[in-house]
Amino acid sequence: MSKRISPTLNLDDKAGRQFICCASCGAGLVEFGGETHWKDKVPVKVAAVAGLHGWSKSVQPDLQLREFSCPECGHLLDSETGLPEDPYLYDVVNP
């Protein structure tokens, strides 16, 4: 059984356990309910926001854009902004 939990993530049953999976390709990212968040298990691309097209010089110079992608198909799963010392923004999944 598969349940959509975000536009890019599903909660899938695999071998009697639940996994957070890429909605695009079905790759299992992390077991649901475990101590590890899915953002800690996928590739993340980090770019300085101040260097991106369209951003003004008034942007805090250390601000980063973080893009989280599926390790199997490369589909963009989520993005966020933060300072280098800021932890990732973990969303809460309630099935």
Protein backbone atom coordinates (compact mmCIF):
# COMPACT_ATOMS: atom_id res chain seq x y z
CA MET A 1 0.00 0.00 0.00
CA SER A 2 1.21 3.50 -0.82
CA LYS A 3 0.09 6.78 0.76
CA ARG A 4 1.09 10.23 -0.50
CA ILE A 5 2.57 12.28 2.37
CA SER A 6 3.87 15.23 0.33
CA PRO A 7 4.02 16.19 -3.34
CA THR A 8 7.34 14.30 -3.63
CA LEU A 9 7.17 11.58 -0.96
CA ASN A 10 5.10 8.45 -0.35
CA LEU A 11 4.74 6.19 2.66
CA ASP A 12 5.03 2.63 1.29
CA ASP A 13 4.71 -0.81 2.84
CA LYS A 14 7.68 -3.01 1.93
CA ALA A 15 8.23 -6.45 3.45
CA GLY A 16 5.90 -5.66 6.35
CA ARG A 17 7.62 -2.38 7.24
CA GLN A 18 6.85 1.21 6.28
CA PHE A 19 9.33 3.35 4.35
CA ILE A 20 9.38 6.96 3.25
CA CYS A 21 9.93 6.71 -0.52
CA CYS A 22 10.47 8.92 -3.52
CA ALA A 23 7.08 9.47 -5.19
CA SER A 24 8.76 9.61 -8.59
CA CYS A 25 10.64 6.29 -8.66
CA GLY A 26 9.59 4.50 -5.44
CA ALA A 27 13.10 4.29 -3.98
CA GLY A 28 13.04 3.70 -0.22
CA LEU A 29 14.79 6.56 1.55
CA VAL A 30 14.43 5.64 5.21
CA GLU A 31 12.26 3.43 7.42
CA PHE A 32 9.30 5.35 8.83
CA GLY A 33 9.40 5.90 12.58
CA GLY A 34 13.14 5.37 12.88
CA GLU A 35 15.57 7.76 14.47
CA THR A 36 16.99 8.93 11.12
CA HIS A 37 15.19 11.59 9.10
CA TRP A 38 15.02 11.11 5.33
CA LYS A 39 16.85 14.43 4.70
CA ASP A 40 19.91 12.94 6.42
CA LYS A 41 19.98 10.03 3.94
CA VAL A 42 19.72 11.76 0.56
CA PRO A 43 22.12 13.88 -1.49
CA VAL A 44 21.91 17.60 -0.72
CA LYS A 45 23.17 20.33 -3.02
CA VAL A 46 24.10 23.58 -1.23
CA ALA A 47 24.44 26.95 -2.98
CA ALA A 48 24.98 30.45 -1.65
CA VAL A 49 21.71 32.35 -2.14
CA ALA A 50 23.59 35.60 -2.72
CA GLY A 51 25.17 34.06 -5.83
CA LEU A 52 21.89 32.94 -7.42
CA HIS A 53 20.23 34.83 -10.25
CA GLY A 54 17.58 37.27 -9.06
CA TRP A 55 18.74 37.68 -5.47
CA SER A 56 19.69 41.16 -4.28
CA LYS A 57 22.83 42.25 -2.47
CA SER A 58 20.71 42.82 0.66
CA VAL A 59 20.45 39.05 1.25
CA GLN A 60 22.43 37.82 4.25
CA PRO A 61 25.73 36.75 2.61
CA ASP A 62 25.90 33.35 4.36
CA LEU A 63 22.32 32.29 3.50
CA GLN A 64 22.22 28.92 1.69
CA LEU A 65 19.76 27.19 -0.60
CA ARG A 66 19.63 23.46 0.16
CA GLU A 67 18.17 21.07 -2.42
CA PHE A 68 17.43 17.47 -1.37
CA SER A 69 17.28 14.88 -4.18
CA CYS A 70 16.40 11.21 -4.57
CA PRO A 71 19.59 9.11 -4.61
CA GLU A 72 18.11 6.82 -7.28
CA CYS A 73 16.43 9.06 -9.87
CA GLY A 74 17.67 12.55 -8.91
CA HIS A 75 14.15 13.96 -8.51
CA LEU A 76 14.05 17.11 -6.34
CA LEU A 77 12.36 16.10 -3.09
CA ASP A 78 12.52 19.34 -1.11
CA SER A 79 14.36 22.63 -0.79
CA GLU A 80 14.91 25.08 2.03
CA THR A 81 17.03 28.07 2.98
CA GLY A 82 19.14 28.46 6.09
CA LEU A 83 22.45 29.57 7.49
CA PRO A 84 25.35 27.09 7.47
CA GLU A 85 24.99 26.44 11.21
CA ASP A 86 21.21 25.91 11.01
CA PRO A 87 19.94 22.33 11.22
CA TYR A 88 17.77 20.96 8.43
CA LEU A 89 14.06 21.74 8.68
CA TYR A 90 12.47 18.39 9.52
CA ASP A 91 8.82 18.04 8.63
CA VAL A 92 6.66 15.78 10.78
CA VAL A 93 4.91 12.88 9.02
CA ASN A 94 1.60 11.71 10.44
CA PRO A 95 0.31 8.78 8.36
